[in-house]
């Protein structure tokens, strides 16, 4: 049964990745063109919201699941934020060297720093209140408005990109089987609004399965739910962000890749936590537990990571390449190893 649970996790992760790769990116590009959004704005809003849907639904299902499983929701979002910042930005830099437009990056880093600071402040006493959840949601509304109108304050132009980089060779083996299965579930890609909506619905269903499997695996292996969420769930639910960022990075849209990673983190913290907590407390009242000390420590690491990324981009004159990418990925590997060592000491 344990092997079956682990295989279930892997199947969910693969399905999440393929849905984003095959259907979500295509529909998102069409929708962003309809709305006439710039690459960085689309990455920071639509792409970030869509690819962060797993984390949002995991947090939502975790908090409403009987038995006090809030640590799964908070842990998956904090762990995912660390993964996005270090691995996704790093992997995008490894895929293709890019010169970033500093204006939108500054915007995202400012709001991200505010988001992490609020999270650290609210998580310090071990619980969230309804007012704190409302503050998180209000800041996200301000961020979306800033993303849309940022060019008016700091004018900049979108860099050209190569759409041919999204073409893929014919896939073989098990991934091809998954793609054929998904192709039968989805409507034709020309109905891109319907494809986008259906993608979100299926992602929600897979997220519910992930929460159930995470609880079972946690009990079977006697591992705290927060640790499972910070590592396994965080990586698995961030795979859509990783795929979408690497695809646009190959096209030469480094701004969109970075905006997606940081924008996803902003959405995760402000909405991924704020919305489920607000709904729960509005219905049941009281406060929501923020989990244990592991989450607080990981949030401090997250805050340190954003400061590190800012200075890394500043000293490299807003350029990212393989060296900086490898450095960021190695930092995440060290974080995961540290979590494993602490667990078994």
C-alpha atoms as a PDB file:
ATOM      1  CA  UNK A   1       0.000   0.000   0.000  1.00  0.00           C
ATOM      2  CA  UNK A   2       2.863   2.376   0.755  1.00  0.00           C
ATOM      3  CA  UNK A   3       4.271   1.767  -2.727  1.00  0.00           C
ATOM      4  CA  UNK A   4       0.794   2.434  -4.161  1.00  0.00           C
ATOM      5  CA  UNK A   5       0.571   5.738  -2.246  1.00  0.00           C
ATOM      6  CA  UNK A   6       3.980   6.871  -3.517  1.00  0.00           C
ATOM      7  CA  UNK A   7       3.073   5.886  -7.084  1.00  0.00           C
ATOM      8  CA  UNK A   8      -0.145   7.857  -6.648  1.00  0.00           C
ATOM      9  CA  UNK A   9       1.890  10.940  -5.746  1.00  0.00           C
ATOM     10  CA  UNK A  10       4.096  10.501  -8.816  1.00  0.00           C
ATOM     11  CA  UNK A  11       1.082  10.095 -11.124  1.00  0.00           C
ATOM     12  CA  UNK A  12      -0.479  13.287  -9.719  1.00  0.00           C
ATOM     13  CA  UNK A  13       2.765  15.201 -10.188  1.00  0.00           C
ATOM     14  CA  UNK A  14       3.152  13.994 -13.802  1.00  0.00           C
ATOM     15  CA  UNK A  15      -0.454  14.849 -14.636  1.00  0.00           C
ATOM     16  CA  UNK A  16      -0.025  18.331 -13.152  1.00  0.00           C
ATOM     17  CA  UNK A  17       3.117  18.895 -15.226  1.00  0.00           C
ATOM     18  CA  UNK A  18       1.595  17.630 -18.485  1.00  0.00           C
ATOM     19  CA  UNK A  19      -1.624  19.626 -18.066  1.00  0.00           C
ATOM     20  CA  UNK A  20       0.401  22.809 -17.709  1.00  0.00           C
ATOM     21  CA  UNK A  21       2.817  21.901 -20.505  1.00  0.00           C
ATOM     22  CA  UNK A  22       0.219  20.730 -23.029  1.00  0.00           C
ATOM     23  CA  UNK A  23      -2.862  22.843 -22.283  1.00  0.00           C
ATOM     24  CA  UNK A  24      -2.342  25.584 -19.718  1.00  0.00           C
ATOM     25  CA  UNK A  25       0.515  27.452 -21.433  1.00  0.00           C
ATOM     26  CA  UNK A  26      -1.265  27.463 -24.794  1.00  0.00           C
ATOM     27  CA  UNK A  27      -4.540  28.782 -23.410  1.00  0.00           C
ATOM     28  CA  UNK A  28      -2.767  31.318 -21.207  1.00  0.00           C
ATOM     29  CA  UNK A  29      -0.835  32.809 -24.119  1.00  0.00           C
ATOM     30  CA  UNK A  30      -4.056  33.237 -26.094  1.00  0.00           C
ATOM     31  CA  UNK A  31      -5.867  34.821 -23.138  1.00  0.00           C
ATOM     32  CA  UNK A  32      -2.992  37.222 -22.388  1.00  0.00           C
ATOM     33  CA  UNK A  33      -3.013  38.318 -26.057  1.00  0.00           C
ATOM     34  CA  UNK A  34      -6.761  38.955 -25.865  1.00  0.00           C
ATOM     35  CA  UNK A  35      -6.187  41.105 -22.782  1.00  0.00           C
ATOM     36  CA  UNK A  36      -3.142  42.770 -24.415  1.00  0.00           C
ATOM     37  CA  UNK A  37      -0.941  42.061 -21.408  1.00  0.00           C
ATOM     38  CA  UNK A  38       2.828  42.444 -21.613  1.00  0.00           C
ATOM     39  CA  UNK A  39       4.961  39.334 -21.082  1.00  0.00           C
ATOM     40  CA  UNK A  40       5.989  40.241 -17.540  1.00  0.00           C
ATOM     41  CA  UNK A  41       2.445  41.265 -16.540  1.00  0.00           C
ATOM     42  CA  UNK A  42       1.033  38.002 -17.924  1.00  0.00           C
ATOM     43  CA  UNK A  43       3.737  36.074 -16.077  1.00  0.00           C
ATOM     44  CA  UNK A  44       3.142  37.907 -12.811  1.00  0.00           C
ATOM     45  CA  UNK A  45      -0.654  37.582 -12.904  1.00  0.00           C
ATOM     46  CA  UNK A  46      -2.352  35.022 -15.172  1.00  0.00           C
ATOM     47  CA  UNK A  47       0.519  32.532 -15.391  1.00  0.00           C
ATOM     48  CA  UNK A  48       1.306  32.889 -11.695  1.00  0.00           C
ATOM     49  CA  UNK A  49      -2.338  32.405 -10.684  1.00  0.00           C
ATOM     50  CA  UNK A  50      -2.868  29.418 -12.955  1.00  0.00           C
ATOM     51  CA  UNK A  51       0.360  27.597 -12.213  1.00  0.00           C
ATOM     52  CA  UNK A  52      -0.070  28.257  -8.478  1.00  0.00           C
ATOM     53  CA  UNK A  53      -3.536  26.741  -8.454  1.00  0.00           C
ATOM     54  CA  UNK A  54      -2.206  23.448  -6.974  1.00  0.00           C
ATOM     55  CA  UNK A  55      -0.817  25.221  -3.916  1.00  0.00           C
ATOM     56  CA  UNK A  56      -4.043  27.186  -3.445  1.00  0.00           C
ATOM     57  CA  UNK A  57      -6.237  24.093  -3.633  1.00  0.00           C
ATOM     58  CA  UNK A  58      -3.872  22.079  -1.409  1.00  0.00           C
ATOM     59  CA  UNK A  59      -4.097  24.800   1.249  1.00  0.00           C
ATOM     60  CA  UNK A  60      -7.886  25.005   0.851  1.00  0.00           C
ATOM     61  CA  UNK A  61      -8.466  21.257   1.133  1.00  0.00           C
ATOM     62  CA  UNK A  62      -5.945  20.914   3.974  1.00  0.00           C
ATOM     63  CA  UNK A  63      -7.582  23.514   6.193  1.00  0.00           C
ATOM     64  CA  UNK A  64     -11.097  22.088   5.726  1.00  0.00           C
ATOM     65  CA  UNK A  65     -10.006  18.475   6.183  1.00  0.00           C
ATOM     66  CA  UNK A  66     -11.055  17.316   9.683  1.00  0.00           C
ATOM     67  CA  UNK A  67      -8.173  16.665  12.083  1.00  0.00           C
ATOM     68  CA  UNK A  68      -6.142  19.915  12.045  1.00  0.00           C
ATOM     69  CA  UNK A  69      -4.028  19.561   8.900  1.00  0.00           C
ATOM     70  CA  UNK A  70      -3.266  23.274   8.436  1.00  0.00           C
ATOM     71  CA  UNK A  71       0.481  22.529   8.446  1.00  0.00           C
ATOM     72  CA  UNK A  72       0.097  20.823   5.069  1.00  0.00           C
ATOM     73  CA  UNK A  73      -1.295  23.971   3.454  1.00  0.00           C
ATOM     74  CA  UNK A  74       1.171  26.391   5.044  1.00  0.00           C
ATOM     75  CA  UNK A  75       4.099  24.020   4.527  1.00  0.00           C
ATOM     76  CA  UNK A  76       3.367  23.382   0.849  1.00  0.00           C
ATOM     77  CA  UNK A  77       3.174  27.112   0.163  1.00  0.00           C
ATOM     78  CA  UNK A  78       6.319  28.064   2.100  1.00  0.00           C
ATOM     79  CA  UNK A  79       8.249  25.123   0.645  1.00  0.00           C
ATOM     80  CA  UNK A  80       6.950  25.894  -2.838  1.00  0.00           C
ATOM     81  CA  UNK A  81       8.019  29.514  -2.456  1.00  0.00           C
ATOM     82  CA  UNK A  82      11.578  28.438  -1.637  1.00  0.00           C
ATOM     83  CA  UNK A  83      11.547  26.029  -4.604  1.00  0.00           C
ATOM     84  CA  UNK A  84      10.224  28.719  -6.968  1.00  0.00           C
ATOM     85  CA  UNK A  85      12.748  31.305  -5.908  1.00  0.00           C
ATOM     86  CA  UNK A  86      15.815  29.068  -6.031  1.00  0.00           C
ATOM     87  CA  UNK A  87      15.101  26.187  -8.426  1.00  0.00           C
ATOM     88  CA  UNK A  88      12.765  27.779 -10.972  1.00  0.00           C
ATOM     89  CA  UNK A  89      14.750  30.982 -11.337  1.00  0.00           C
ATOM     90  CA  UNK A  90      17.937  28.898 -11.350  1.00  0.00           C
ATOM     91  CA  UNK A  91      16.643  26.371 -13.911  1.00  0.00           C
ATOM     92  CA  UNK A  92      15.394  29.159 -16.181  1.00  0.00           C
ATOM     93  CA  UNK A  93      18.849  30.737 -16.069  1.00  0.00           C
ATOM     94  CA  UNK A  94      20.497  27.392 -16.876  1.00  0.00           C
ATOM     95  CA  UNK A  95      18.168  26.811 -19.851  1.00  0.00           C
ATOM     96  CA  UNK A  96      18.993  30.133 -21.478  1.00  0.00           C
ATOM     97  CA  UNK A  97      21.072  33.115 -20.424  1.00  0.00           C
ATOM     98  CA  UNK A  98      18.978  36.261 -20.181  1.00  0.00           C
ATOM     99  CA  UNK A  99      19.290  39.982 -19.622  1.00  0.00           C
ATOM    100  CA  UNK A 100      16.373  40.930 -17.412  1.00  0.00           C
ATOM    101  CA  UNK A 101      14.449  44.167 -17.624  1.00  0.00           C
ATOM    102  CA  UNK A 102      15.042  45.604 -14.182  1.00  0.00           C
ATOM    103  CA  UNK A 103      11.800  47.608 -13.878  1.00  0.00           C
ATOM    104  CA  UNK A 104       9.360  44.661 -13.579  1.00  0.00           C
ATOM    105  CA  UNK A 105      11.848  42.618 -11.536  1.00  0.00           C
ATOM    106  CA  UNK A 106      12.116  45.457  -9.021  1.00  0.00           C
ATOM    107  CA  UNK A 107       8.312  45.606  -8.840  1.00  0.00           C
ATOM    108  CA  UNK A 108       8.003  41.889  -8.114  1.00  0.00           C
ATOM    109  CA  UNK A 109      10.856  41.854  -5.603  1.00  0.00           C
ATOM    110  CA  UNK A 110       9.330  44.788  -3.697  1.00  0.00           C
ATOM    111  CA  UNK A 111       5.945  43.108  -3.373  1.00  0.00           C
ATOM    112  CA  UNK A 112       7.545  39.758  -2.670  1.00  0.00           C
ATOM    113  CA  UNK A 113       9.594  41.231   0.175  1.00  0.00           C
ATOM    114  CA  UNK A 114       6.408  42.779   1.576  1.00  0.00           C
ATOM    115  CA  UNK A 115       4.601  39.425   1.256  1.00  0.00           C
ATOM    116  CA  UNK A 116       7.316  37.428   3.027  1.00  0.00           C
ATOM    117  CA  UNK A 117       7.642  40.098   5.731  1.00  0.00           C
ATOM    118  CA  UNK A 118       3.902  39.923   6.419  1.00  0.00           C
ATOM    119  CA  UNK A 119       4.021  36.129   6.477  1.00  0.00           C
ATOM    120  CA  UNK A 120       6.925  36.179   8.935  1.00  0.00           C
ATOM    121  CA  UNK A 121       5.128  38.703  11.124  1.00  0.00           C
ATOM    122  CA  UNK A 122       1.838  36.789  11.131  1.00  0.00           C
ATOM    123  CA  UNK A 123       3.376  33.344  11.595  1.00  0.00           C
ATOM    124  CA  UNK A 124       5.544  34.441  14.533  1.00  0.00           C
ATOM    125  CA  UNK A 125       2.862  33.848  17.173  1.00  0.00           C
ATOM    126  CA  UNK A 126       1.837  30.513  15.623  1.00  0.00           C
ATOM    127  CA  UNK A 127      -1.586  31.512  14.276  1.00  0.00           C
ATOM    128  CA  UNK A 128      -3.458  33.617  11.730  1.00  0.00           C
ATOM    129  CA  UNK A 129      -6.405  35.913  12.435  1.00  0.00           C
ATOM    130  CA  UNK A 130      -9.163  36.966  10.039  1.00  0.00           C
ATOM    131  CA  UNK A 131      -7.757  40.499   9.919  1.00  0.00           C
ATOM    132  CA  UNK A 132      -4.333  39.168   8.962  1.00  0.00           C
ATOM    133  CA  UNK A 133      -5.842  37.044   6.190  1.00  0.00           C
ATOM    134  CA  UNK A 134      -7.695  40.145   4.945  1.00  0.00           C
ATOM    135  CA  UNK A 135      -4.453  42.127   4.877  1.00  0.00           C
ATOM    136  CA  UNK A 136      -2.801  39.446   2.715  1.00  0.00           C
ATOM    137  CA  UNK A 137      -5.668  39.543   0.197  1.00  0.00           C
ATOM    138  CA  UNK A 138      -5.698  43.354   0.103  1.00  0.00           C
ATOM    139  CA  UNK A 139      -1.971  43.499  -0.658  1.00  0.00           C
ATOM    140  CA  UNK A 140      -2.469  41.091  -3.570  1.00  0.00           C
ATOM    141  CA  UNK A 141      -5.138  43.360  -5.073  1.00  0.00           C
ATOM    142  CA  UNK A 142      -2.652  46.242  -4.860  1.00  0.00           C
ATOM    143  CA  UNK A 143       0.002  44.061  -6.515  1.00  0.00           C
ATOM    144  CA  UNK A 144      -2.243  43.197  -9.496  1.00  0.00           C
ATOM    145  CA  UNK A 145      -3.032  46.871 -10.011  1.00  0.00           C
ATOM    146  CA  UNK A 146       0.674  47.707  -9.816  1.00  0.00           C
ATOM    147  CA  UNK A 147       1.521  44.945 -12.313  1.00  0.00           C
ATOM    148  CA  UNK A 148      -0.941  46.353 -14.844  1.00  0.00           C
ATOM    149  CA  UNK A 149       0.057  50.006 -14.498  1.00  0.00           C
ATOM    150  CA  UNK A 150       3.760  49.676 -13.616  1.00  0.00           C
ATOM    151  CA  UNK A 151       4.884  50.817 -17.082  1.00  0.00           C
ATOM    152  CA  UNK A 152       3.366  54.214 -16.456  1.00  0.00           C
ATOM    153  CA  UNK A 153       5.729  54.749 -13.514  1.00  0.00           C
ATOM    154  CA  UNK A 154       8.841  53.062 -14.934  1.00  0.00           C
ATOM    155  CA  UNK A 155       8.521  52.768 -18.744  1.00  0.00           C
ATOM    156  CA  UNK A 156      10.118  49.749 -20.443  1.00  0.00           C
ATOM    157  CA  UNK A 157       9.619  47.599 -23.553  1.00  0.00           C
ATOM    158  CA  UNK A 158       9.125  43.862 -23.964  1.00  0.00           C
ATOM    159  CA  UNK A 159      12.102  41.978 -25.378  1.00  0.00           C
ATOM    160  CA  UNK A 160      11.604  39.945 -28.592  1.00  0.00           C
ATOM    161  CA  UNK A 161      11.276  36.176 -28.245  1.00  0.00           C
ATOM    162  CA  UNK A 162      11.325  33.048 -30.411  1.00  0.00           C
ATOM    163  CA  UNK A 163       8.026  31.135 -30.390  1.00  0.00           C
ATOM    164  CA  UNK A 164       9.584  28.237 -32.323  1.00  0.00           C
ATOM    165  CA  UNK A 165      11.391  27.211 -29.130  1.00  0.00           C
ATOM    166  CA  UNK A 166       8.109  25.819 -27.814  1.00  0.00           C
ATOM    167  CA  UNK A 167       7.944  23.149 -30.515  1.00  0.00           C
ATOM    168  CA  UNK A 168       8.623  19.692 -29.122  1.00  0.00           C
ATOM    169  CA  UNK A 169       9.815  16.469 -30.656  1.00  0.00           C
ATOM    170  CA  UNK A 170       7.419  13.541 -30.553  1.00  0.00           C
ATOM    171  CA  UNK A 171       7.414  12.059 -27.079  1.00  0.00           C
ATOM    172  CA  UNK A 172       7.823   8.372 -26.420  1.00  0.00           C
ATOM    173  CA  UNK A 173       7.118   5.997 -23.588  1.00  0.00           C
ATOM    174  CA  UNK A 174       5.050   6.660 -20.495  1.00  0.00           C
ATOM    175  CA  UNK A 175       4.838  10.456 -20.989  1.00  0.00           C
ATOM    176  CA  UNK A 176       3.296   9.908 -24.416  1.00  0.00           C
ATOM    177  CA  UNK A 177       0.685   7.652 -22.789  1.00  0.00           C
ATOM    178  CA  UNK A 178      -0.200  10.420 -20.328  1.00  0.00           C
ATOM    179  CA  UNK A 179      -0.478  12.963 -23.151  1.00  0.00           C
ATOM    180  CA  UNK A 180      -2.750  10.730 -25.208  1.00  0.00           C
ATOM    181  CA  UNK A 181      -4.975  10.213 -22.167  1.00  0.00           C
ATOM    182  CA  UNK A 182      -5.181  13.948 -21.451  1.00  0.00           C
ATOM    183  CA  UNK A 183      -5.820  14.716 -25.123  1.00  0.00           C
ATOM    184  CA  UNK A 184      -9.055  12.743 -24.924  1.00  0.00           C
ATOM    185  CA  UNK A 185     -10.221  14.679 -21.858  1.00  0.00           C
ATOM    186  CA  UNK A 186      -9.699  18.201 -23.197  1.00  0.00           C
ATOM    187  CA  UNK A 187     -11.593  20.045 -25.949  1.00  0.00           C
ATOM    188  CA  UNK A 188      -9.791  21.366 -29.024  1.00  0.00           C
ATOM    189  CA  UNK A 189      -7.158  23.966 -28.170  1.00  0.00           C
ATOM    190  CA  UNK A 190      -8.956  26.637 -30.206  1.00  0.00           C
ATOM    191  CA  UNK A 191     -11.502  26.776 -27.361  1.00  0.00           C
ATOM    192  CA  UNK A 192      -8.783  28.151 -25.130  1.00  0.00           C
ATOM    193  CA  UNK A 193     -11.015  29.712 -22.455  1.00  0.00           C
ATOM    194  CA  UNK A 194     -12.701  26.350 -21.939  1.00  0.00           C
ATOM    195  CA  UNK A 195      -9.312  24.601 -21.931  1.00  0.00           C
ATOM    196  CA  UNK A 196      -8.039  27.057 -19.301  1.00  0.00           C
ATOM    197  CA  UNK A 197     -11.100  26.533 -17.074  1.00  0.00           C
ATOM    198  CA  UNK A 198     -10.959  22.754 -17.418  1.00  0.00           C
ATOM    199  CA  UNK A 199      -7.252  22.788 -16.565  1.00  0.00           C
ATOM    200  CA  UNK A 200      -7.961  24.589 -13.298  1.00  0.00           C
ATOM    201  CA  UNK A 201     -10.763  22.144 -12.400  1.00  0.00           C
ATOM    202  CA  UNK A 202      -8.565  19.083 -12.997  1.00  0.00           C
ATOM    203  CA  UNK A 203      -5.714  20.687 -11.063  1.00  0.00           C
ATOM    204  CA  UNK A 204      -8.121  21.177  -8.136  1.00  0.00           C
ATOM    205  CA  UNK A 205      -9.073  17.505  -8.207  1.00  0.00           C
ATOM    206  CA  UNK A 206      -5.452  16.390  -8.298  1.00  0.00           C
ATOM    207  CA  UNK A 207      -4.658  18.727  -5.398  1.00  0.00           C
ATOM    208  CA  UNK A 208      -7.354  17.092  -3.283  1.00  0.00           C
ATOM    209  CA  UNK A 209      -5.796  13.692  -3.993  1.00  0.00           C
ATOM    210  CA  UNK A 210      -2.367  15.060  -3.034  1.00  0.00           C
ATOM    211  CA  UNK A 211      -3.647  16.248   0.361  1.00  0.00           C
ATOM    212  CA  UNK A 212      -5.201  12.850   1.099  1.00  0.00           C
ATOM    213  CA  UNK A 213      -2.031  11.004   0.056  1.00  0.00           C
ATOM    214  CA  UNK A 214       0.192  13.365   2.045  1.00  0.00           C
ATOM    215  CA  UNK A 215      -1.767  12.688   5.238  1.00  0.00           C
ATOM    216  CA  UNK A 216      -1.623   8.914   4.722  1.00  0.00           C
ATOM    217  CA  UNK A 217       2.111   8.879   3.901  1.00  0.00           C
ATOM    218  CA  UNK A 218       2.826  11.124   6.882  1.00  0.00           C
ATOM    219  CA  UNK A 219       1.117   8.673   9.222  1.00  0.00           C
ATOM    220  CA  UNK A 220       2.623   5.576   7.585  1.00  0.00           C
ATOM    221  CA  UNK A 221       6.202   6.854   7.852  1.00  0.00           C
ATOM    222  CA  UNK A 222       5.647   8.784  11.095  1.00  0.00           C
ATOM    223  CA  UNK A 223       6.908  11.989   9.451  1.00  0.00           C
ATOM    224  CA  UNK A 224       5.404  15.359  10.480  1.00  0.00           C
ATOM    225  CA  UNK A 225       2.889  16.631   7.933  1.00  0.00           C
ATOM    226  CA  UNK A 226       4.709  19.964   7.804  1.00  0.00           C
ATOM    227  CA  UNK A 227       7.920  18.270   6.628  1.00  0.00           C
ATOM    228  CA  UNK A 228       6.067  16.314   3.933  1.00  0.00           C
ATOM    229  CA  UNK A 229       4.489  19.568   2.762  1.00  0.00           C
ATOM    230  CA  UNK A 230       7.734  21.575   2.856  1.00  0.00           C
ATOM    231  CA  UNK A 231       9.539  19.066   0.650  1.00  0.00           C
ATOM    232  CA  UNK A 232       7.545  16.459  -1.300  1.00  0.00           C
ATOM    233  CA  UNK A 233       4.320  18.415  -1.829  1.00  0.00           C
ATOM    234  CA  UNK A 234       6.167  21.694  -2.381  1.00  0.00           C
ATOM    235  CA  UNK A 235       8.275  20.220  -5.184  1.00  0.00           C
ATOM    236  CA  UNK A 236       5.379  18.328  -6.743  1.00  0.00           C
ATOM    237  CA  UNK A 237       2.952  21.245  -6.811  1.00  0.00           C
ATOM    238  CA  UNK A 238       5.685  23.556  -8.163  1.00  0.00           C
ATOM    239  CA  UNK A 239       6.352  21.379 -11.213  1.00  0.00           C
ATOM    240  CA  UNK A 240       3.777  23.370 -13.274  1.00  0.00           C
ATOM    241  CA  UNK A 241       5.643  26.591 -12.393  1.00  0.00           C
ATOM    242  CA  UNK A 242       8.945  24.954 -13.352  1.00  0.00           C
ATOM    243  CA  UNK A 243       7.678  23.768 -16.747  1.00  0.00           C
ATOM    244  CA  UNK A 244       5.966  27.033 -17.653  1.00  0.00           C
ATOM    245  CA  UNK A 245       9.006  29.118 -16.675  1.00  0.00           C
ATOM    246  CA  UNK A 246      11.459  26.895 -18.565  1.00  0.00           C
ATOM    247  CA  UNK A 247       9.267  27.019 -21.694  1.00  0.00           C
ATOM    248  CA  UNK A 248       9.186  30.820 -21.798  1.00  0.00           C
ATOM    249  CA  UNK A 249      12.891  30.971 -20.840  1.00  0.00           C
ATOM    250  CA  UNK A 250      13.721  28.907 -23.949  1.00  0.00           C
ATOM    251  CA  UNK A 251      11.822  31.487 -25.987  1.00  0.00           C
ATOM    252  CA  UNK A 252      14.083  34.211 -24.622  1.00  0.00           C
ATOM    253  CA  UNK A 253      11.409  35.649 -22.327  1.00  0.00           C
ATOM    254  CA  UNK A 254      13.549  35.655 -19.201  1.00  0.00           C
ATOM    255  CA  UNK A 255      11.437  38.448 -17.724  1.00  0.00           C
ATOM    256  CA  UNK A 256       8.315  36.316 -17.978  1.00  0.00           C
ATOM    257  CA  UNK A 257      10.074  33.304 -16.441  1.00  0.00           C
ATOM    258  CA  UNK A 258      11.321  35.289 -13.440  1.00  0.00           C
ATOM    259  CA  UNK A 259       8.008  37.156 -13.081  1.00  0.00           C
ATOM    260  CA  UNK A 260       6.190  33.822 -13.128  1.00  0.00           C
ATOM    261  CA  UNK A 261       8.393  32.389 -10.373  1.00  0.00           C
ATOM    262  CA  UNK A 262       8.255  35.453  -8.131  1.00  0.00           C
ATOM    263  CA  UNK A 263       4.643  36.252  -9.055  1.00  0.00           C
ATOM    264  CA  UNK A 264       3.668  32.691  -8.148  1.00  0.00           C
ATOM    265  CA  UNK A 265       5.269  33.153  -4.753  1.00  0.00           C
ATOM    266  CA  UNK A 266       3.399  36.412  -4.198  1.00  0.00           C
ATOM    267  CA  UNK A 267       0.132  34.693  -5.138  1.00  0.00           C
ATOM    268  CA  UNK A 268       0.938  31.671  -2.960  1.00  0.00           C
ATOM    269  CA  UNK A 269       1.548  33.739   0.154  1.00  0.00           C
ATOM    270  CA  UNK A 270      -1.083  36.439  -0.249  1.00  0.00           C
ATOM    271  CA  UNK A 271      -3.918  34.419  -1.825  1.00  0.00           C
ATOM    272  CA  UNK A 272      -2.856  30.792  -1.321  1.00  0.00           C
ATOM    273  CA  UNK A 273      -2.867  31.377   2.429  1.00  0.00           C
ATOM    274  CA  UNK A 274      -5.082  34.432   2.749  1.00  0.00           C
ATOM    275  CA  UNK A 275      -8.113  33.114   0.854  1.00  0.00           C
ATOM    276  CA  UNK A 276      -8.452  29.633   2.462  1.00  0.00           C
ATOM    277  CA  UNK A 277      -7.824  31.074   5.915  1.00  0.00           C
ATOM    278  CA  UNK A 278     -10.305  33.905   5.379  1.00  0.00           C
ATOM    279  CA  UNK A 279     -13.015  31.488   4.171  1.00  0.00           C
ATOM    280  CA  UNK A 280     -12.421  29.104   7.073  1.00  0.00           C
ATOM    281  CA  UNK A 281     -12.427  31.798   9.766  1.00  0.00           C
ATOM    282  CA  UNK A 282     -15.444  33.542   8.215  1.00  0.00           C
ATOM    283  CA  UNK A 283     -17.377  30.260   8.540  1.00  0.00           C
ATOM    284  CA  UNK A 284     -15.990  28.899  11.815  1.00  0.00           C
ATOM    285  CA  UNK A 285     -14.550  31.977  13.535  1.00  0.00           C
ATOM    286  CA  UNK A 286     -11.477  31.928  15.790  1.00  0.00           C
ATOM    287  CA  UNK A 287      -7.929  31.668  14.450  1.00  0.00           C
ATOM    288  CA  UNK A 288      -6.003  29.229  12.245  1.00  0.00           C
ATOM    289  CA  UNK A 289      -2.843  27.485  13.433  1.00  0.00           C
ATOM    290  CA  UNK A 290       0.294  28.364  11.465  1.00  0.00           C
ATOM    291  CA  UNK A 291       2.064  25.088  12.209  1.00  0.00           C
ATOM    292  CA  UNK A 292       5.290  24.361  14.072  1.00  0.00           C
ATOM    293  CA  UNK A 293       8.801  25.792  14.307  1.00  0.00           C
ATOM    294  CA  UNK A 294       9.902  24.147  11.047  1.00  0.00           C
ATOM    295  CA  UNK A 295       7.609  26.462   9.113  1.00  0.00           C
ATOM    296  CA  UNK A 296       8.907  29.516  10.946  1.00  0.00           C
ATOM    297  CA  UNK A 297      12.503  28.527  10.208  1.00  0.00           C
ATOM    298  CA  UNK A 298      11.674  27.906   6.528  1.00  0.00           C
ATOM    299  CA  UNK A 299       9.977  31.302   6.319  1.00  0.00           C
ATOM    300  CA  UNK A 300      13.145  32.935   7.644  1.00  0.00           C
ATOM    301  CA  UNK A 301      15.116  31.041   4.962  1.00  0.00           C
ATOM    302  CA  UNK A 302      12.623  32.293   2.394  1.00  0.00           C
ATOM    303  CA  UNK A 303      13.141  35.884   3.519  1.00  0.00           C
ATOM    304  CA  UNK A 304      16.918  35.435   3.316  1.00  0.00           C
ATOM    305  CA  UNK A 305      16.589  33.928  -0.169  1.00  0.00           C
ATOM    306  CA  UNK A 306      14.797  36.935  -1.618  1.00  0.00           C
ATOM    307  CA  UNK A 307      17.470  39.267  -0.245  1.00  0.00           C
ATOM    308  CA  UNK A 308      20.154  37.008  -1.740  1.00  0.00           C
ATOM    309  CA  UNK A 309      18.430  36.949  -5.140  1.00  0.00           C
ATOM    310  CA  UNK A 310      18.134  40.739  -5.172  1.00  0.00           C
ATOM    311  CA  UNK A 311      21.855  41.267  -4.568  1.00  0.00           C
ATOM    312  CA  UNK A 312      22.740  38.491  -7.026  1.00  0.00           C
ATOM    313  CA  UNK A 313      20.777  40.238  -9.778  1.00  0.00           C
ATOM    314  CA  UNK A 314      22.096  43.649  -8.768  1.00  0.00           C
ATOM    315  CA  UNK A 315      25.764  42.614  -8.877  1.00  0.00           C
ATOM    316  CA  UNK A 316      25.289  40.722 -12.163  1.00  0.00           C
ATOM    317  CA  UNK A 317      23.647  43.826 -13.676  1.00  0.00           C
ATOM    318  CA  UNK A 318      20.311  42.023 -14.095  1.00  0.00           C
ATOM    319  CA  UNK A 319      21.815  39.152 -16.077  1.00  0.00           C
ATOM    320  CA  UNK A 320      21.220  35.496 -15.239  1.00  0.00           C
ATOM    321  CA  UNK A 321      23.212  32.598 -16.669  1.00  0.00           C
ATOM    322  CA  UNK A 322      24.342  29.057 -15.950  1.00  0.00           C
ATOM    323  CA  UNK A 323      26.687  29.920 -13.080  1.00  0.00           C
ATOM    324  CA  UNK A 324      24.098  31.886 -11.111  1.00  0.00           C
ATOM    325  CA  UNK A 325      21.467  29.281 -12.022  1.00  0.00           C
ATOM    326  CA  UNK A 326      23.548  26.378 -10.736  1.00  0.00           C
ATOM    327  CA  UNK A 327      24.320  28.358  -7.567  1.00  0.00           C
ATOM    328  CA  UNK A 328      20.615  28.873  -6.817  1.00  0.00           C
ATOM    329  CA  UNK A 329      19.739  25.215  -7.475  1.00  0.00           C
ATOM    330  CA  UNK A 330      22.579  24.074  -5.188  1.00  0.00           C
ATOM    331  CA  UNK A 331      21.260  26.317  -2.425  1.00  0.00           C
ATOM    332  CA  UNK A 332      17.910  24.563  -2.638  1.00  0.00           C
ATOM    333  CA  UNK A 333      19.601  21.155  -2.530  1.00  0.00           C
ATOM    334  CA  UNK A 334      21.383  22.214   0.664  1.00  0.00           C
ATOM    335  CA  UNK A 335      18.040  23.299   2.155  1.00  0.00           C
ATOM    336  CA  UNK A 336      16.418  19.927   1.404  1.00  0.00           C
ATOM    337  CA  UNK A 337      19.393  17.985   2.784  1.00  0.00           C
ATOM    338  CA  UNK A 338      19.245  20.068   5.924  1.00  0.00           C
ATOM    339  CA  UNK A 339      15.525  19.266   6.377  1.00  0.00           C
ATOM    340  CA  UNK A 340      16.224  15.533   5.965  1.00  0.00           C
ATOM    341  CA  UNK A 341      19.137  15.561   8.409  1.00  0.00           C
ATOM    342  CA  UNK A 342      17.100  17.379  11.071  1.00  0.00           C
ATOM    343  CA  UNK A 343      14.285  14.870  10.619  1.00  0.00           C
ATOM    344  CA  UNK A 344      16.476  11.852  11.378  1.00  0.00           C
ATOM    345  CA  UNK A 345      18.802  13.302  14.021  1.00  0.00           C
END
